[in-house]
Amino acid sequence: HISTAAISEKKFYSETEQYYIVDQLMLIAV
């Protein structure tokens, strides 16, 4: 349970980081 929660949390933070990067790229593109 602890290892599954840690893996899910790591994936969430990675996806959140990618969201903010693509948002910044979109702002630059506009």
All heavy atoms as atom14 arrays in JSON, in Angstrom:
{
  "sequence": "HISTAAISEKKFYSETEQYYIVDQLMLIAV",
  "atom14_mask": [
    [1, 1, 1, 1, 1, 1, 1, 1, 1, 1, 0, 0, 0, 0],
    [1, 1, 1, 1, 1, 1, 1, 1, 0, 0, 0, 0, 0, 0],
    [1, 1, 1, 1, 1, 1, 0, 0, 0, 0, 0, 0, 0, 0],
    [1, 1, 1, 1, 1, 1, 1, 0, 0, 0, 0, 0, 0, 0],
    [1, 1, 1, 1, 1, 0, 0, 0, 0, 0, 0, 0, 0, 0],
    [1, 1, 1, 1, 1, 0, 0, 0, 0, 0, 0, 0, 0, 0],
    [1, 1, 1, 1, 1, 1, 1, 1, 0, 0, 0, 0, 0, 0],
    [1, 1, 1, 1, 1, 1, 0, 0, 0, 0, 0, 0, 0, 0],
    [1, 1, 1, 1, 1, 1, 1, 1, 1, 0, 0, 0, 0, 0],
    [1, 1, 1, 1, 1, 1, 1, 1, 1, 0, 0, 0, 0, 0],
    [1, 1, 1, 1, 1, 1, 1, 1, 1, 0, 0, 0, 0, 0],
    [1, 1, 1, 1, 1, 1, 1, 1, 1, 1, 1, 0, 0, 0],
    [1, 1, 1, 1, 1, 1, 1, 1, 1, 1, 1, 1, 0, 0],
    [1, 1, 1, 1, 1, 1, 0, 0, 0, 0, 0, 0, 0, 0],
    [1, 1, 1, 1, 1, 1, 1, 1, 1, 0, 0, 0, 0, 0],
    [1, 1, 1, 1, 1, 1, 1, 0, 0, 0, 0, 0, 0, 0],
    [1, 1, 1, 1, 1, 1, 1, 1, 1, 0, 0, 0, 0, 0],
    [1, 1, 1, 1, 1, 1, 1, 1, 1, 0, 0, 0, 0, 0],
    [1, 1, 1, 1, 1, 1, 1, 1, 1, 1, 1, 1, 0, 0],
    [1, 1, 1, 1, 1, 1, 1, 1, 1, 1, 1, 1, 0, 0],
    [1, 1, 1, 1, 1, 1, 1, 1, 0, 0, 0, 0, 0, 0],
    [1, 1, 1, 1, 1, 1, 1, 0, 0, 0, 0, 0, 0, 0],
    [1, 1, 1, 1, 1, 1, 1, 1, 0, 0, 0, 0, 0, 0],
    [1, 1, 1, 1, 1, 1, 1, 1, 1, 0, 0, 0, 0, 0],
    [1, 1, 1, 1, 1, 1, 1, 1, 0, 0, 0, 0, 0, 0],
    [1, 1, 1, 1, 1, 1, 1, 1, 0, 0, 0, 0, 0, 0],
    [1, 1, 1, 1, 1, 1, 1, 1, 0, 0, 0, 0, 0, 0],
    [1, 1, 1, 1, 1, 1, 1, 1, 0, 0, 0, 0, 0, 0],
    [1, 1, 1, 1, 1, 0, 0, 0, 0, 0, 0, 0, 0, 0],
    [1, 1, 1, 1, 1, 1, 1, 0, 0, 0, 0, 0, 0, 0]
  ],
  "atom14_positions": [
    [[0.83, -1.21, 0.0], [0.0, 0.0, 0.0], [0.86, 1.26, 0.0], [0.6, 2.2, -0.76], [-0.93, 0.0, 1.21], [-1.71, 1.26, 1.34], [-2.72, 1.61, 0.48], [-1.61, 2.27, 2.23], [-3.21, 2.78, 0.83], [-2.55, 3.2, 1.91], [0.0, 0.0, 0.0], [0.0, 0.0, 0.0], [0.0, 0.0, 0.0], [0.0, 0.0, 0.0]],
    [[1.88, 1.3, 0.81], [2.75, 2.48, 0.9], [3.5, 2.69, -0.42], [3.61, 3.82, -0.9], [3.72, 2.34, 2.09], [2.94, 2.46, 3.4], [4.82, 3.39, 2.03], [3.76, 2.14, 4.63], [0.0, 0.0, 0.0], [0.0, 0.0, 0.0], [0.0, 0.0, 0.0], [0.0, 0.0, 0.0], [0.0, 0.0, 0.0], [0.0, 0.0, 0.0]],
    [[4.0, 1.62, -1.01], [4.74, 1.77, -2.27], [3.81, 2.2, -3.41], [4.19, 3.02, -4.25], [5.48, 0.48, -2.63], [4.57, -0.57, -2.84], [0.0, 0.0, 0.0], [0.0, 0.0, 0.0], [0.0, 0.0, 0.0], [0.0, 0.0, 0.0], [0.0, 0.0, 0.0], [0.0, 0.0, 0.0], [0.0, 0.0, 0.0], [0.0, 0.0, 0.0]],
    [[2.6, 1.69, -3.46], [1.63, 2.11, -4.47], [1.28, 3.58, -4.31], [1.19, 4.32, -5.3], [0.36, 1.24, -4.39], [0.71, -0.12, -4.51], [-0.63, 1.62, -5.48], [0.0, 0.0, 0.0], [0.0, 0.0, 0.0], [0.0, 0.0, 0.0], [0.0, 0.0, 0.0], [0.0, 0.0, 0.0], [0.0, 0.0, 0.0], [0.0, 0.0, 0.0]],
    [[1.08, 4.02, -3.09], [0.78, 5.43, -2.84], [1.95, 6.32, -3.24], [1.75, 7.39, -3.83], [0.44, 5.63, -1.36], [0.0, 0.0, 0.0], [0.0, 0.0, 0.0], [0.0, 0.0, 0.0], [0.0, 0.0, 0.0], [0.0, 0.0, 0.0], [0.0, 0.0, 0.0], [0.0, 0.0, 0.0], [0.0, 0.0, 0.0], [0.0, 0.0, 0.0]],
    [[3.16, 5.89, -2.97], [4.34, 6.69, -3.34], [4.49, 6.78, -4.86], [4.8, 7.85, -5.4], [5.59, 6.08, -2.72], [0.0, 0.0, 0.0], [0.0, 0.0, 0.0], [0.0, 0.0, 0.0], [0.0, 0.0, 0.0], [0.0, 0.0, 0.0], [0.0, 0.0, 0.0], [0.0, 0.0, 0.0], [0.0, 0.0, 0.0], [0.0, 0.0, 0.0]],
    [[4.25, 5.69, -5.56], [4.34, 5.71, -7.02], [3.25, 6.6, -7.62], [3.52, 7.39, -8.54], [4.25, 4.27, -7.58], [5.51, 3.49, -7.22], [4.03, 4.27, -9.09], [5.42, 2.01, -7.5], [0.0, 0.0, 0.0], [0.0, 0.0, 0.0], [0.0, 0.0, 0.0], [0.0, 0.0, 0.0], [0.0, 0.0, 0.0], [0.0, 0.0, 0.0]],
    [[2.05, 6.52, -7.08], [0.96, 7.38, -7.57], [1.26, 8.85, -7.32], [0.99, 9.7, -8.18], [-0.35, 7.01, -6.88], [-0.75, 5.72, -7.23], [0.0, 0.0, 0.0], [0.0, 0.0, 0.0], [0.0, 0.0, 0.0], [0.0, 0.0, 0.0], [0.0, 0.0, 0.0], [0.0, 0.0, 0.0], [0.0, 0.0, 0.0], [0.0, 0.0, 0.0]],
    [[1.8, 9.15, -6.18], [2.14, 10.54, -5.86], [3.24, 11.07, -6.78], [3.17, 12.21, -7.26], [2.59, 10.63, -4.4], [2.77, 12.05, -3.91], [3.07, 12.1, -2.42], [2.94, 11.05, -1.74], [3.42, 13.18, -1.94], [0.0, 0.0, 0.0], [0.0, 0.0, 0.0], [0.0, 0.0, 0.0], [0.0, 0.0, 0.0], [0.0, 0.0, 0.0]],
    [[4.23, 10.25, -7.06], [5.31, 10.66, -7.96], [4.77, 10.92, -9.37], [5.14, 11.9, -10.02], [6.4, 9.59, -8.0], [7.6, 9.97, -8.82], [8.68, 8.92, -8.75], [9.86, 9.34, -9.6], [10.94, 8.37, -9.56], [0.0, 0.0, 0.0], [0.0, 0.0, 0.0], [0.0, 0.0, 0.0], [0.0, 0.0, 0.0], [0.0, 0.0, 0.0]],
    [[3.88, 10.06, -9.84], [3.27, 10.24, -11.16], [2.43, 11.51, -11.19], [2.45, 12.26, -12.17], [2.41, 9.02, -11.5], [1.84, 9.06, -12.88], [1.06, 7.79, -13.18], [0.45, 7.85, -14.57], [-0.36, 6.68, -14.86], [0.0, 0.0, 0.0], [0.0, 0.0, 0.0], [0.0, 0.0, 0.0], [0.0, 0.0, 0.0], [0.0, 0.0, 0.0]],
    [[1.69, 11.78, -10.13], [0.88, 12.99, -10.05], [1.76, 14.24, -10.14], [1.44, 15.18, -10.89], [0.08, 13.01, -8.74], [-0.57, 14.33, -8.46], [-1.69, 14.72, -9.15], [-0.03, 15.18, -7.5], [-2.29, 15.94, -8.88], [-0.61, 16.39, -7.23], [-1.75, 16.78, -7.92], [0.0, 0.0, 0.0], [0.0, 0.0, 0.0], [0.0, 0.0, 0.0]],
    [[2.85, 14.27, -9.41], [3.73, 15.44, -9.44], [4.39, 15.62, -10.8], [4.56, 16.73, -11.28], [4.79, 15.37, -8.34], [4.22, 15.65, -6.97], [4.45, 14.79, -5.91], [3.46, 16.78, -6.73], [3.93, 15.04, -4.66], [2.93, 17.04, -5.49], [3.18, 16.17, -4.44], [2.65, 16.43, -3.21], [0.0, 0.0, 0.0], [0.0, 0.0, 0.0]],
    [[4.71, 14.52, -11.46], [5.29, 14.6, -12.8], [4.28, 15.16, -13.79], [4.61, 16.02, -14.62], [5.77, 13.22, -13.24], [6.22, 13.25, -14.56], [0.0, 0.0, 0.0], [0.0, 0.0, 0.0], [0.0, 0.0, 0.0], [0.0, 0.0, 0.0], [0.0, 0.0, 0.0], [0.0, 0.0, 0.0], [0.0, 0.0, 0.0], [0.0, 0.0, 0.0]],
    [[3.04, 14.69, -13.74], [2.0, 15.2, -14.63], [1.67, 16.66, -14.35], [1.41, 17.43, -15.27], [0.75, 14.34, -14.53], [0.9, 12.98, -15.16], [-0.33, 12.11, -15.02], [-1.36, 12.58, -14.5], [-0.25, 10.94, -15.43], [0.0, 0.0, 0.0], [0.0, 0.0, 0.0], [0.0, 0.0, 0.0], [0.0, 0.0, 0.0], [0.0, 0.0, 0.0]],
    [[1.68, 17.05, -13.09], [1.44, 18.44, -12.73], [2.55, 19.33, -13.27], [2.28, 20.42, -13.8], [1.34, 18.6, -11.19], [0.3, 17.74, -10.72], [1.05, 20.02, -10.8], [0.0, 0.0, 0.0], [0.0, 0.0, 0.0], [0.0, 0.0, 0.0], [0.0, 0.0, 0.0], [0.0, 0.0, 0.0], [0.0, 0.0, 0.0], [0.0, 0.0, 0.0]],
    [[3.78, 18.88, -13.18], [4.9, 19.64, -13.72], [4.76, 19.81, -15.23], [4.96, 20.91, -15.76], [6.21, 18.93, -13.39], [7.43, 19.64, -13.93], [8.71, 18.85, -13.73], [8.63, 17.63, -13.49], [9.78, 19.46, -13.82], [0.0, 0.0, 0.0], [0.0, 0.0, 0.0], [0.0, 0.0, 0.0], [0.0, 0.0, 0.0], [0.0, 0.0, 0.0]],
    [[4.38, 18.74, -15.92], [4.2, 18.81, -17.37], [3.05, 19.76, -17.74], [3.11, 20.47, -18.73], [3.94, 17.43, -17.96], [5.14, 16.52, -17.91], [6.33, 17.11, -18.63], [6.26, 17.48, -19.79], [7.45, 17.21, -17.93], [0.0, 0.0, 0.0], [0.0, 0.0, 0.0], [0.0, 0.0, 0.0], [0.0, 0.0, 0.0], [0.0, 0.0, 0.0]],
    [[2.0, 19.77, -16.92], [0.88, 20.68, -17.16], [1.35, 22.14, -17.11], [1.0, 22.94, -17.98], [-0.23, 20.44, -16.14], [-1.29, 21.52, -16.16], [-2.27, 21.53, -17.15], [-1.29, 22.54, -15.21], [-3.22, 22.53, -17.18], [-2.24, 23.54, -15.24], [-3.2, 23.53, -16.23], [-4.15, 24.52, -16.27], [0.0, 0.0, 0.0], [0.0, 0.0, 0.0]],
    [[2.12, 22.48, -16.1], [2.58, 23.87, -15.97], [3.59, 24.23, -17.06], [3.61, 25.36, -17.53], [3.18, 24.11, -14.58], [2.11, 24.25, -13.53], [1.99, 23.32, -12.5], [1.19, 25.29, -13.57], [0.99, 23.44, -11.55], [0.19, 25.41, -12.63], [0.09, 24.48, -11.62], [-0.89, 24.6, -10.69], [0.0, 0.0, 0.0], [0.0, 0.0, 0.0]],
    [[4.4, 23.27, -17.48], [5.35, 23.54, -18.57], [4.6, 23.79, -19.87], [4.9, 24.75, -20.59], [6.35, 22.37, -18.72], [7.31, 22.35, -17.54], [7.12, 22.48, -20.02], [8.21, 21.14, -17.49], [0.0, 0.0, 0.0], [0.0, 0.0, 0.0], [0.0, 0.0, 0.0], [0.0, 0.0, 0.0], [0.0, 0.0, 0.0], [0.0, 0.0, 0.0]],
    [[3.6, 22.96, -20.18], [2.85, 23.15, -21.42], [2.01, 24.42, -21.35], [1.82, 25.1, -22.36], [2.0, 21.9, -21.76], [0.7, 21.85, -21.03], [1.77, 21.8, -23.25], [0.0, 0.0, 0.0], [0.0, 0.0, 0.0], [0.0, 0.0, 0.0], [0.0, 0.0, 0.0], [0.0, 0.0, 0.0], [0.0, 0.0, 0.0], [0.0, 0.0, 0.0]],
    [[1.55, 24.8, -20.18], [0.84, 26.07, -20.01], [1.76, 27.25, -20.29], [1.37, 28.22, -20.95], [0.25, 26.15, -18.6], [-0.72, 27.29, -18.44], [-1.58, 27.46, -19.32], [-0.62, 28.0, -17.43], [0.0, 0.0, 0.0], [0.0, 0.0, 0.0], [0.0, 0.0, 0.0], [0.0, 0.0, 0.0], [0.0, 0.0, 0.0], [0.0, 0.0, 0.0]],
    [[2.98, 27.17, -19.8], [3.97, 28.23, -20.07], [4.3, 28.3, -21.55], [4.41, 29.39, -22.12], [5.23, 27.97, -19.25], [6.29, 29.04, -19.39], [5.86, 30.36, -18.77], [5.09, 30.39, -17.81], [6.35, 31.45, -19.31], [0.0, 0.0, 0.0], [0.0, 0.0, 0.0], [0.0, 0.0, 0.0], [0.0, 0.0, 0.0], [0.0, 0.0, 0.0]],
    [[4.46, 27.14, -22.19], [4.71, 27.11, -23.63], [3.56, 27.74, -24.41], [3.78, 28.47, -25.38], [4.94, 25.68, -24.11], [6.3, 25.07, -23.82], [6.28, 23.58, -24.15], [7.39, 25.77, -24.59], [0.0, 0.0, 0.0], [0.0, 0.0, 0.0], [0.0, 0.0, 0.0], [0.0, 0.0, 0.0], [0.0, 0.0, 0.0], [0.0, 0.0, 0.0]],
    [[2.33, 27.46, -24.0], [1.17, 28.03, -24.68], [1.14, 29.54, -24.52], [0.83, 30.27, -25.47], [-0.12, 27.4, -24.14], [-1.36, 27.81, -24.89], [-1.37, 27.42, -26.65], [-1.51, 25.66, -26.64], [0.0, 0.0, 0.0], [0.0, 0.0, 0.0], [0.0, 0.0, 0.0], [0.0, 0.0, 0.0], [0.0, 0.0, 0.0], [0.0, 0.0, 0.0]],
    [[1.5, 30.03, -23.36], [1.55, 31.48, -23.14], [2.6, 32.12, -24.05], [2.33, 33.16, -24.67], [1.88, 31.77, -21.67], [1.93, 33.22, -21.26], [0.56, 33.86, -21.41], [2.41, 33.34, -19.83], [0.0, 0.0, 0.0], [0.0, 0.0, 0.0], [0.0, 0.0, 0.0], [0.0, 0.0, 0.0], [0.0, 0.0, 0.0], [0.0, 0.0, 0.0]],
    [[3.75, 31.5, -24.17], [4.81, 32.01, -25.06], [4.32, 31.99, -26.51], [4.53, 32.94, -27.26], [6.1, 31.18, -24.89], [6.71, 31.41, -23.51], [7.11, 31.52, -25.98], [7.82, 30.42, -23.16], [0.0, 0.0, 0.0], [0.0, 0.0, 0.0], [0.0, 0.0, 0.0], [0.0, 0.0, 0.0], [0.0, 0.0, 0.0], [0.0, 0.0, 0.0]],
    [[3.66, 30.9, -26.91], [3.17, 30.78, -28.28], [2.14, 31.84, -28.61], [2.17, 32.44, -29.69], [2.59, 29.38, -28.51], [0.0, 0.0, 0.0], [0.0, 0.0, 0.0], [0.0, 0.0, 0.0], [0.0, 0.0, 0.0], [0.0, 0.0, 0.0], [0.0, 0.0, 0.0], [0.0, 0.0, 0.0], [0.0, 0.0, 0.0], [0.0, 0.0, 0.0]],
    [[1.22, 32.1, -27.71], [0.19, 33.12, -27.94], [0.83, 34.5, -28.06], [0.52, 35.26, -28.98], [-0.87, 33.08, -26.82], [-1.79, 34.29, -26.91], [-1.68, 31.81, -26.91], [0.0, 0.0, 0.0], [0.0, 0.0, 0.0], [0.0, 0.0, 0.0], [0.0, 0.0, 0.0], [0.0, 0.0, 0.0], [0.0, 0.0, 0.0], [0.0, 0.0, 0.0]]
  ]
}
